[in-house]
Amino acid sequence: MIMDNNEKAFESYTGTEVFQILLDGSSSRAVLDDWLERNIQSDLKVRRAKTPGHVVIETGDVLFARNVLIWNPSCKVNIKKK
């Protein structure tokens, strides 16, 4: 099985990470809609990215972050240790 860098990063999860996910405007809207509709019990922080037309979504929920990556395989994920 071939893993890309995002998948390798999830392999070393310890529970103290914050996932910063870079998405374009329409993808971020879909992610936020899903988060609201499913009433997911995790915190999200949304901010404008330096990249024009993009948004960064931050979460500490590994399962939600993994689902976002599955739905948007071309998105970039930065994992920050707390």
Protein backbone atom coordinates (compact mmCIF):
# COMPACT_ATOMS: atom_id res chain seq x y z
CA MET A 1 0.00 0.00 0.00
CA ILE A 2 1.38 3.40 -0.98
CA MET A 3 0.81 6.24 1.50
CA ASP A 4 1.15 9.93 0.76
CA ASN A 5 2.59 12.42 3.26
CA ASN A 6 -0.83 13.22 4.77
CA GLU A 7 -1.50 9.55 5.49
CA LYS A 8 1.97 9.08 7.01
CA ALA A 9 1.32 12.01 9.34
CA PHE A 10 -1.82 10.35 10.67
CA GLU A 11 0.16 7.18 11.43
CA SER A 12 2.14 8.99 14.18
CA TYR A 13 -0.94 10.44 15.95
CA THR A 14 -0.48 10.80 19.75
CA GLY A 15 -3.66 12.66 20.73
CA THR A 16 -2.16 16.10 21.31
CA GLU A 17 -2.12 17.35 17.73
CA VAL A 18 -4.07 20.11 16.05
CA PHE A 19 -4.87 19.45 12.39
CA GLN A 20 -4.72 22.51 10.12
CA ILE A 21 -6.51 21.75 6.86
CA LEU A 22 -6.19 24.09 3.87
CA LEU A 23 -9.31 24.10 1.68
CA ASP A 24 -10.73 26.27 -1.08
CA GLY A 25 -13.92 28.21 -0.39
CA SER A 26 -16.47 25.72 -1.73
CA SER A 27 -14.80 22.72 -0.07
CA SER A 28 -14.62 24.50 3.26
CA ARG A 29 -18.31 25.38 3.00
CA ALA A 30 -19.17 21.71 2.44
CA VAL A 31 -17.02 20.64 5.40
CA LEU A 32 -18.67 23.18 7.70
CA ASP A 33 -22.15 22.19 6.50
CA ASP A 34 -21.36 18.54 7.23
CA TRP A 35 -19.99 19.42 10.68
CA LEU A 36 -23.21 21.31 11.52
CA GLU A 37 -25.64 18.77 10.03
CA ARG A 38 -24.03 15.80 11.77
CA ASN A 39 -23.70 17.75 15.05
CA ILE A 40 -20.10 16.57 15.43
CA GLN A 41 -18.88 17.08 19.00
CA SER A 42 -15.50 18.65 18.25
CA ASP A 43 -14.24 22.19 18.15
CA LEU A 44 -13.38 23.85 14.87
CA LYS A 45 -11.46 27.04 14.28
CA VAL A 46 -11.88 28.66 10.88
CA ARG A 47 -9.62 31.40 9.53
CA ARG A 48 -8.61 32.92 6.23
CA ALA A 49 -5.47 31.46 4.71
CA LYS A 50 -2.60 33.40 3.20
CA THR A 51 -3.45 31.64 -0.08
CA PRO A 52 -6.13 33.74 -1.82
CA GLY A 53 -9.56 32.09 -1.92
CA HIS A 54 -8.65 29.49 0.69
CA VAL A 55 -9.60 28.82 4.31
CA VAL A 56 -7.82 26.94 7.10
CA ILE A 57 -9.92 24.71 9.33
CA GLU A 58 -8.28 23.65 12.59
CA THR A 59 -9.50 20.73 14.69
CA GLY A 60 -8.14 18.39 17.32
CA ASP A 61 -10.49 15.58 16.27
CA VAL A 62 -8.46 13.00 14.35
CA LEU A 63 -11.53 11.22 12.98
CA PHE A 64 -13.08 14.40 11.60
CA ALA A 65 -9.73 15.50 10.13
CA ARG A 66 -9.30 12.08 8.50
CA ASN A 67 -12.79 12.28 6.96
CA VAL A 68 -12.04 15.73 5.54
CA LEU A 69 -8.88 14.32 3.98
CA ILE A 70 -10.83 11.40 2.48
CA TRP A 71 -13.45 13.79 1.01
CA ASN A 72 -10.77 16.22 -0.25
CA PRO A 73 -7.68 14.15 -1.11
CA SER A 74 -5.84 17.10 -2.67
CA CYS A 75 -6.09 19.30 0.44
CA LYS A 76 -2.98 20.09 2.43
CA VAL A 77 -2.79 19.12 6.09
CA ASN A 78 -0.37 20.53 8.64
CA ILE A 79 -0.19 18.77 11.98
CA LYS A 80 0.86 20.99 14.86
CA LYS A 81 1.84 19.58 18.25
CA LYS A 82 0.20 21.30 21.23
